[in-house]
PDB file of all heavy atoms in Angstrom:
ATOM      1  N   ASP A   1     -21.936   5.804 -67.275  1.00  0.00           N
ATOM      2  CA  ASP A   1     -20.722   5.225 -66.692  1.00  0.00           C
ATOM      3  C   ASP A   1     -21.005   3.764 -66.398  1.00  0.00           C
ATOM      4  O   ASP A   1     -21.714   3.427 -65.451  1.00  0.00           O
ATOM      5  CB  ASP A   1     -20.338   5.972 -65.410  1.00  0.00           C
ATOM      6  CG  ASP A   1     -18.912   5.650 -64.972  1.00  0.00           C
ATOM      7  OD1 ASP A   1     -18.401   4.589 -65.370  1.00  0.00           O
ATOM      8  OD2 ASP A   1     -18.319   6.461 -64.236  1.00  0.00           O
ATOM      9  N   GLY A   2     -20.444   2.897 -67.230  1.00  0.00           N
ATOM     10  CA  GLY A   2     -20.651   1.461 -67.069  1.00  0.00           C
ATOM     11  C   GLY A   2     -19.466   0.762 -66.443  1.00  0.00           C
ATOM     12  O   GLY A   2     -19.384  -0.465 -66.483  1.00  0.00           O
ATOM     13  N   ASP A   3     -18.550   1.517 -65.860  1.00  0.00           N
ATOM     14  CA  ASP A   3     -17.365   0.946 -65.234  1.00  0.00           C
ATOM     15  C   ASP A   3     -17.658   0.660 -63.766  1.00  0.00           C
ATOM     16  O   ASP A   3     -18.167   1.538 -63.062  1.00  0.00           O
ATOM     17  CB  ASP A   3     -16.198   1.928 -65.348  1.00  0.00           C
ATOM     18  CG  ASP A   3     -14.848   1.291 -65.057  1.00  0.00           C
ATOM     19  OD1 ASP A   3     -14.784   0.452 -64.139  1.00  0.00           O
ATOM     20  OD2 ASP A   3     -13.868   1.649 -65.736  1.00  0.00           O
ATOM     21  N   PRO A   4     -17.357  -0.547 -63.276  1.00  0.00           N
ATOM     22  CA  PRO A   4     -17.578  -0.840 -61.848  1.00  0.00           C
ATOM     23  C   PRO A   4     -16.811   0.079 -60.915  1.00  0.00           C
ATOM     24  O   PRO A   4     -17.138   0.186 -59.734  1.00  0.00           O
ATOM     25  CB  PRO A   4     -17.082  -2.289 -61.718  1.00  0.00           C
ATOM     26  CG  PRO A   4     -17.134  -2.848 -63.091  1.00  0.00           C
ATOM     27  CD  PRO A   4     -16.828  -1.701 -64.004  1.00  0.00           C
ATOM     28  N   ASN A   5     -15.762   0.723 -61.425  1.00  0.00           N
ATOM     29  CA  ASN A   5     -15.026   1.716 -60.653  1.00  0.00           C
ATOM     30  C   ASN A   5     -15.296   3.082 -61.290  1.00  0.00           C
ATOM     31  O   ASN A   5     -14.478   3.616 -62.039  1.00  0.00           O
ATOM     32  CB  ASN A   5     -13.529   1.404 -60.663  1.00  0.00           C
ATOM     33  CG  ASN A   5     -12.728   2.399 -59.836  1.00  0.00           C
ATOM     34  OD1 ASN A   5     -13.229   2.974 -58.872  1.00  0.00           O
ATOM     35  ND2 ASN A   5     -11.482   2.621 -60.234  1.00  0.00           N
ATOM     36  N   PRO A   6     -16.461   3.679 -61.008  1.00  0.00           N
ATOM     37  CA  PRO A   6     -16.909   4.848 -61.775  1.00  0.00           C
ATOM     38  C   PRO A   6     -16.125   6.121 -61.478  1.00  0.00           C
ATOM     39  O   PRO A   6     -15.949   6.506 -60.329  1.00  0.00           O
ATOM     40  CB  PRO A   6     -18.374   4.994 -61.338  1.00  0.00           C
ATOM     41  CG  PRO A   6     -18.434   4.383 -59.979  1.00  0.00           C
ATOM     42  CD  PRO A   6     -17.435   3.265 -59.982  1.00  0.00           C
ATOM     43  N   ASN A   7     -15.656   6.765 -62.544  1.00  0.00           N
ATOM     44  CA  ASN A   7     -14.926   8.027 -62.427  1.00  0.00           C
ATOM     45  C   ASN A   7     -15.356   9.051 -63.472  1.00  0.00           C
ATOM     46  O   ASN A   7     -14.773  10.130 -63.545  1.00  0.00           O
ATOM     47  CB  ASN A   7     -13.414   7.778 -62.569  1.00  0.00           C
ATOM     48  CG  ASN A   7     -12.838   7.036 -61.377  1.00  0.00           C
ATOM     49  OD1 ASN A   7     -12.857   7.537 -60.258  1.00  0.00           O
ATOM     50  ND2 ASN A   7     -12.340   5.835 -61.621  1.00  0.00           N
ATOM     51  N   LEU A   8     -16.352   8.707 -64.271  1.00  0.00           N
ATOM     52  CA  LEU A   8     -16.741   9.585 -65.368  1.00  0.00           C
ATOM     53  C   LEU A   8     -17.258  10.930 -64.861  1.00  0.00           C
ATOM     54  O   LEU A   8     -17.063  11.959 -65.510  1.00  0.00           O
ATOM     55  CB  LEU A   8     -17.792   8.895 -66.239  1.00  0.00           C
ATOM     56  CG  LEU A   8     -18.214   9.631 -67.512  1.00  0.00           C
ATOM     57  CD1 LEU A   8     -17.020   9.901 -68.412  1.00  0.00           C
ATOM     58  CD2 LEU A   8     -19.274   8.816 -68.261  1.00  0.00           C
ATOM     59  N   ALA A   9     -17.916  10.938 -63.706  1.00  0.00           N
ATOM     60  CA  ALA A   9     -18.504  12.176 -63.178  1.00  0.00           C
ATOM     61  C   ALA A   9     -17.463  13.278 -63.036  1.00  0.00           C
ATOM     62  O   ALA A   9     -17.695  14.432 -63.421  1.00  0.00           O
ATOM     63  CB  ALA A   9     -19.172  11.900 -61.825  1.00  0.00           C
ATOM     64  N   LEU A  10     -16.293  12.951 -62.488  1.00  0.00           N
ATOM     65  CA  LEU A  10     -15.246  13.952 -62.292  1.00  0.00           C
ATOM     66  C   LEU A  10     -14.719  14.467 -63.624  1.00  0.00           C
ATOM     67  O   LEU A  10     -14.460  15.663 -63.782  1.00  0.00           O
ATOM     68  CB  LEU A  10     -14.102  13.368 -61.463  1.00  0.00           C
ATOM     69  CG  LEU A  10     -14.456  12.904 -60.045  1.00  0.00           C
ATOM     70  CD1 LEU A  10     -13.238  12.279 -59.383  1.00  0.00           C
ATOM     71  CD2 LEU A  10     -14.990  14.061 -59.211  1.00  0.00           C
ATOM     72  N   THR A  11     -14.578  13.578 -64.577  1.00  0.00           N
ATOM     73  CA  THR A  11     -14.073  13.977 -65.888  1.00  0.00           C
ATOM     74  C   THR A  11     -15.070  14.858 -66.620  1.00  0.00           C
ATOM     75  O   THR A  11     -14.687  15.688 -67.446  1.00  0.00           O
ATOM     76  CB  THR A  11     -13.741  12.724 -66.731  1.00  0.00           C
ATOM     77  OG1 THR A  11     -12.844  11.891 -65.990  1.00  0.00           O
ATOM     78  CG2 THR A  11     -13.079  13.102 -68.037  1.00  0.00           C
ATOM     79  N   LEU A  12     -16.357  14.689 -66.311  1.00  0.00           N
ATOM     80  CA  LEU A  12     -17.390  15.527 -66.918  1.00  0.00           C
ATOM     81  C   LEU A  12     -17.450  16.912 -66.286  1.00  0.00           C
ATOM     82  O   LEU A  12     -18.015  17.840 -66.872  1.00  0.00           O
ATOM     83  CB  LEU A  12     -18.753  14.854 -66.790  1.00  0.00           C
ATOM     84  CG  LEU A  12     -19.001  13.652 -67.707  1.00  0.00           C
ATOM     85  CD1 LEU A  12     -20.280  12.938 -67.303  1.00  0.00           C
ATOM     86  CD2 LEU A  12     -19.066  14.078 -69.167  1.00  0.00           C
ATOM     87  N   GLY A  13     -16.922  17.054 -65.076  1.00  0.00           N
ATOM     88  CA  GLY A  13     -16.916  18.361 -64.437  1.00  0.00           C
ATOM     89  C   GLY A  13     -17.616  18.435 -63.095  1.00  0.00           C
ATOM     90  O   GLY A  13     -17.726  19.522 -62.508  1.00  0.00           O
ATOM     91  N   MET A  14     -18.091  17.305 -62.574  1.00  0.00           N
ATOM     92  CA  MET A  14     -18.728  17.307 -61.264  1.00  0.00           C
ATOM     93  C   MET A  14     -17.667  17.348 -60.166  1.00  0.00           C
ATOM     94  O   MET A  14     -16.553  16.855 -60.344  1.00  0.00           O
ATOM     95  CB  MET A  14     -19.621  16.064 -61.093  1.00  0.00           C
ATOM     96  CG  MET A  14     -20.735  15.969 -62.115  1.00  0.00           C
ATOM     97  SD  MET A  14     -21.799  14.512 -61.879  1.00  0.00           S
ATOM     98  CE  MET A  14     -22.839  15.081 -60.528  1.00  0.00           C
ATOM     99  N   SER A  15     -18.028  17.924 -59.029  1.00  0.00           N
ATOM    100  CA  SER A  15     -17.119  17.923 -57.889  1.00  0.00           C
ATOM    101  C   SER A  15     -17.135  16.552 -57.231  1.00  0.00           C
ATOM    102  O   SER A  15     -18.016  15.723 -57.485  1.00  0.00           O
ATOM    103  CB  SER A  15     -17.543  18.983 -56.878  1.00  0.00           C
ATOM    104  OG  SER A  15     -18.786  18.629 -56.283  1.00  0.00           O
ATOM    105  N   ARG A  16     -16.168  16.323 -56.360  1.00  0.00           N
ATOM    106  CA  ARG A  16     -16.129  15.057 -55.624  1.00  0.00           C
ATOM    107  C   ARG A  16     -17.399  14.870 -54.804  1.00  0.00           C
ATOM    108  O   ARG A  16     -17.968  13.775 -54.760  1.00  0.00           O
ATOM    109  CB  ARG A  16     -14.903  15.026 -54.714  1.00  0.00           C
ATOM    110  CG  ARG A  16     -14.785  13.803 -53.849  1.00  0.00           C
ATOM    111  CD  ARG A  16     -14.449  12.569 -54.658  1.00  0.00           C
ATOM    112  NE  ARG A  16     -13.124  12.654 -55.239  1.00  0.00           N
ATOM    113  CZ  ARG A  16     -12.614  11.722 -56.044  1.00  0.00           C
ATOM    114  NH1 ARG A  16     -13.344  10.676 -56.375  1.00  0.00           N
ATOM    115  NH2 ARG A  16     -11.381  11.852 -56.528  1.00  0.00           N
ATOM    116  N   GLU A  17     -17.869  15.952 -54.186  1.00  0.00           N
ATOM    117  CA  GLU A  17     -19.081  15.864 -53.373  1.00  0.00           C
ATOM    118  C   GLU A  17     -20.307  15.551 -54.236  1.00  0.00           C
ATOM    119  O   GLU A  17     -21.150  14.735 -53.854  1.00  0.00           O
ATOM    120  CB  GLU A  17     -19.301  17.178 -52.614  1.00  0.00           C
ATOM    121  CG  GLU A  17     -18.269  17.484 -51.540  1.00  0.00           C
ATOM    122  CD  GLU A  17     -16.920  17.891 -52.118  1.00  0.00           C
ATOM    123  OE1 GLU A  17     -16.878  18.369 -53.287  1.00  0.00           O
ATOM    124  OE2 GLU A  17     -15.891  17.725 -51.413  1.00  0.00           O
ATOM    125  N   GLU A  18     -20.402  16.186 -55.392  1.00  0.00           N
ATOM    126  CA  GLU A  18     -21.525  15.915 -56.298  1.00  0.00           C
ATOM    127  C   GLU A  18     -21.477  14.479 -56.810  1.00  0.00           C
ATOM    128  O   GLU A  18     -22.508  13.803 -56.910  1.00  0.00           O
ATOM    129  CB  GLU A  18     -21.490  16.894 -57.463  1.00  0.00           C
ATOM    130  CG  GLU A  18     -21.831  18.319 -57.092  1.00  0.00           C
ATOM    131  CD  GLU A  18     -21.562  19.287 -58.218  1.00  0.00           C
ATOM    132  OE1 GLU A  18     -20.640  19.031 -59.038  1.00  0.00           O
ATOM    133  OE2 GLU A  18     -22.253  20.322 -58.280  1.00  0.00           O
ATOM    134  N   ALA A  19     -20.275  14.009 -57.128  1.00  0.00           N
ATOM    135  CA  ALA A  19     -20.136  12.642 -57.620  1.00  0.00           C
ATOM    136  C   ALA A  19     -20.530  11.634 -56.549  1.00  0.00           C
ATOM    137  O   ALA A  19     -21.196  10.623 -56.841  1.00  0.00           O
ATOM    138  CB  ALA A  19     -18.699  12.402 -58.073  1.00  0.00           C
ATOM    139  N   ASP A  20     -20.149  11.904 -55.304  1.00  0.00           N
ATOM    140  CA  ASP A  20     -20.474  10.979 -54.214  1.00  0.00           C
ATOM    141  C   ASP A  20     -21.976  10.934 -53.940  1.00  0.00           C
ATOM    142  O   ASP A  20     -22.478   9.956 -53.371  1.00  0.00           O
ATOM    143  CB  ASP A  20     -19.734  11.381 -52.937  1.00  0.00           C
ATOM    144  CG  ASP A  20     -18.234  11.127 -53.029  1.00  0.00           C
ATOM    145  OD1 ASP A  20     -17.822  10.357 -53.916  1.00  0.00           O
ATOM    146  OD2 ASP A  20     -17.489  11.702 -52.212  1.00  0.00           O
ATOM    147  N   ALA A  21     -22.691  11.996 -54.323  1.00  0.00           N
ATOM    148  CA  ALA A  21     -24.129  12.071 -54.048  1.00  0.00           C
ATOM    149  C   ALA A  21     -24.977  11.427 -55.148  1.00  0.00           C
ATOM    150  O   ALA A  21     -26.209  11.351 -55.011  1.00  0.00           O
ATOM    151  CB  ALA A  21     -24.546  13.528 -53.868  1.00  0.00           C
ATOM    152  N   ILE A  22     -24.354  10.951 -56.209  1.00  0.00           N
ATOM    153  CA  ILE A  22     -25.106  10.344 -57.310  1.00  0.00           C
ATOM    154  C   ILE A  22     -25.808   9.077 -56.834  1.00  0.00           C
ATOM    155  O   ILE A  22     -25.232   8.254 -56.124  1.00  0.00           O
ATOM    156  CB  ILE A  22     -24.162  10.017 -58.487  1.00  0.00           C
ATOM    157  CG1 ILE A  22     -23.659  11.307 -59.136  1.00  0.00           C
ATOM    158  CG2 ILE A  22     -24.855   9.145 -59.529  1.00  0.00           C
ATOM    159  CD1 ILE A  22     -22.612  11.077 -60.208  1.00  0.00           C
ATOM    160  N   THR A  23     -27.048   8.909 -57.252  1.00  0.00           N
ATOM    161  CA  THR A  23     -27.779   7.674 -56.997  1.00  0.00           C
ATOM    162  C   THR A  23     -27.483   6.689 -58.116  1.00  0.00           C
ATOM    163  O   THR A  23     -27.887   6.903 -59.268  1.00  0.00           O
ATOM    164  CB  THR A  23     -29.299   7.932 -56.935  1.00  0.00           C
ATOM    165  OG1 THR A  23     -29.577   8.874 -55.894  1.00  0.00           O
ATOM    166  CG2 THR A  23     -30.055   6.638 -56.659  1.00  0.00           C
ATOM    167  N   TYR A  24     -26.743   5.652 -57.786  1.00  0.00           N
ATOM    168  CA  TYR A  24     -26.394   4.667 -58.807  1.00  0.00           C
ATOM    169  C   TYR A  24     -27.638   3.909 -59.244  1.00  0.00           C
ATOM    170  O   TYR A  24     -28.536   3.647 -58.451  1.00  0.00           O
ATOM    171  CB  TYR A  24     -25.367   3.661 -58.268  1.00  0.00           C
ATOM    172  CG  TYR A  24     -23.994   4.233 -58.027  1.00  0.00           C
ATOM    173  CD1 TYR A  24     -23.709   5.582 -58.216  1.00  0.00           C
ATOM    174  CD2 TYR A  24     -22.954   3.412 -57.603  1.00  0.00           C
ATOM    175  CE1 TYR A  24     -22.449   6.099 -57.995  1.00  0.00           C
ATOM    176  CE2 TYR A  24     -21.679   3.922 -57.376  1.00  0.00           C
ATOM    177  CZ  TYR A  24     -21.439   5.266 -57.571  1.00  0.00           C
ATOM    178  OH  TYR A  24     -20.186   5.774 -57.352  1.00  0.00           O
ATOM    179  N   ILE A  25     -27.667   3.553 -60.517  1.00  0.00           N
ATOM    180  CA  ILE A  25     -28.802   2.800 -61.028  1.00  0.00           C
ATOM    181  C   ILE A  25     -28.526   1.310 -60.839  1.00  0.00           C
ATOM    182  O   ILE A  25     -27.482   0.805 -61.258  1.00  0.00           O
ATOM    183  CB  ILE A  25     -29.074   3.154 -62.500  1.00  0.00           C
ATOM    184  CG1 ILE A  25     -30.353   2.499 -62.988  1.00  0.00           C
ATOM    185  CG2 ILE A  25     -27.913   2.793 -63.389  1.00  0.00           C
ATOM    186  CD1 ILE A  25     -30.811   3.043 -64.318  1.00  0.00           C
ATOM    187  N   PRO A  26     -29.421   0.577 -60.186  1.00  0.00           N
ATOM    188  CA  PRO A  26     -29.164  -0.842 -59.930  1.00  0.00           C
ATOM    189  C   PRO A  26     -29.383  -1.688 -61.176  1.00  0.00           C
ATOM    190  O   PRO A  26     -30.208  -1.359 -62.032  1.00  0.00           O
ATOM    191  CB  PRO A  26     -30.195  -1.191 -58.849  1.00  0.00           C
ATOM    192  CG  PRO A  26     -31.328  -0.253 -59.106  1.00  0.00           C
ATOM    193  CD  PRO A  26     -30.702   1.024 -59.605  1.00  0.00           C
ATOM    194  N   ALA A  27     -28.637  -2.768 -61.273  1.00  0.00           N
ATOM    195  CA  ALA A  27     -28.801  -3.677 -62.410  1.00  0.00           C
ATOM    196  C   ALA A  27     -30.217  -4.240 -62.474  1.00  0.00           C
ATOM    197  O   ALA A  27     -30.713  -4.569 -63.549  1.00  0.00           O
ATOM    198  CB  ALA A  27     -27.788  -4.816 -62.314  1.00  0.00           C
ATOM    199  N   SER A  28     -30.880  -4.301 -61.327  1.00  0.00           N
ATOM    200  CA  SER A  28     -32.237  -4.867 -61.279  1.00  0.00           C
ATOM    201  C   SER A  28     -33.260  -3.999 -61.987  1.00  0.00           C
ATOM    202  O   SER A  28     -34.405  -4.414 -62.171  1.00  0.00           O
ATOM    203  CB  SER A  28     -32.664  -5.070 -59.826  1.00  0.00           C
ATOM    204  OG  SER A  28     -32.639  -3.841 -59.116  1.00  0.00           O
ATOM    205  N   ILE A  29     -32.870  -2.797 -62.414  1.00  0.00           N
ATOM    206  CA  ILE A  29     -33.798  -1.928 -63.122  1.00  0.00           C
ATOM    207  C   ILE A  29     -34.134  -2.505 -64.497  1.00  0.00           C
ATOM    208  O   ILE A  29     -35.125  -2.132 -65.127  1.00  0.00           O
ATOM    209  CB  ILE A  29     -33.207  -0.509 -63.265  1.00  0.00           C
ATOM    210  CG1 ILE A  29     -34.329   0.542 -63.354  1.00  0.00           C
ATOM    211  CG2 ILE A  29     -32.311  -0.389 -64.465  1.00  0.00           C
ATOM    212  CD1 ILE A  29     -35.016   0.791 -62.063  1.00  0.00           C
ATOM    213  N   MET A  30     -33.274  -3.418 -64.974  1.00  0.00           N
ATOM    214  CA  MET A  30     -33.501  -4.062 -66.269  1.00  0.00           C
ATOM    215  C   MET A  30     -33.840  -5.532 -66.049  1.00  0.00           C
ATOM    216  O   MET A  30     -33.288  -6.189 -65.160  1.00  0.00           O
ATOM    217  CB  MET A  30     -32.260  -3.954 -67.149  1.00  0.00           C
ATOM    218  CG  MET A  30     -31.747  -2.529 -67.359  1.00  0.00           C
ATOM    219  SD  MET A  30     -32.913  -1.431 -68.173  1.00  0.00           S
ATOM    220  CE  MET A  30     -32.969  -2.161 -69.816  1.00  0.00           C
ATOM    221  N   GLN A  31     -34.766  -6.045 -66.853  1.00  0.00           N
ATOM    222  CA  GLN A  31     -35.146  -7.449 -66.743  1.00  0.00           C
ATOM    223  C   GLN A  31     -35.071  -8.124 -68.113  1.00  0.00           C
ATOM    224  O   GLN A  31     -35.051  -7.455 -69.146  1.00  0.00           O
ATOM    225  CB  GLN A  31     -36.566  -7.576 -66.194  1.00  0.00           C
ATOM    226  CG  GLN A  31     -37.638  -7.018 -67.105  1.00  0.00           C
ATOM    227  CD  GLN A  31     -39.019  -7.108 -66.494  1.00  0.00           C
ATOM    228  OE1 GLN A  31     -39.187  -7.547 -65.359  1.00  0.00           O
ATOM    229  NE2 GLN A  31     -40.037  -6.701 -67.246  1.00  0.00           N
ATOM    230  N   ARG A  32     -35.032  -9.444 -68.094  1.00  0.00           N
ATOM    231  CA  ARG A  32     -34.935 -10.206 -69.334  1.00  0.00           C
ATOM    232  C   ARG A  32     -36.202 -10.051 -70.155  1.00  0.00           C
ATOM    233  O   ARG A  32     -37.314 -10.126 -69.649  1.00  0.00           O
ATOM    234  CB  ARG A  32     -34.699 -11.686 -69.033  1.00  0.00           C
ATOM    235  CG  ARG A  32     -33.337 -11.985 -68.436  1.00  0.00           C
ATOM    236  CD  ARG A  32     -33.293 -13.388 -67.861  1.00  0.00           C
ATOM    237  NE  ARG A  32     -33.488 -14.397 -68.882  1.00  0.00           N
ATOM    238  CZ  ARG A  32     -32.498 -15.048 -69.496  1.00  0.00           C
ATOM    239  NH1 ARG A  32     -31.243 -14.784 -69.170  1.00  0.00           N
ATOM    240  NH2 ARG A  32     -32.746 -15.954 -70.404  1.00  0.00           N
ATOM    241  N   GLY A  33     -36.010  -9.817 -71.451  1.00  0.00           N
ATOM    242  CA  GLY A  33     -37.128  -9.733 -72.371  1.00  0.00           C
ATOM    243  C   GLY A  33     -37.064 -10.876 -73.371  1.00  0.00           C
ATOM    244  O   GLY A  33     -36.593 -11.975 -73.059  1.00  0.00           O
TER     245      GLY A  33
END
């Protein structure tokens, strides 16, 4: 889910509670190569 307003979790079948518990991946996980 690359949308700043993420909703893919619900469409995949996760509950609202499960979606809210997701640990978002920070942009800082990637660096310039």
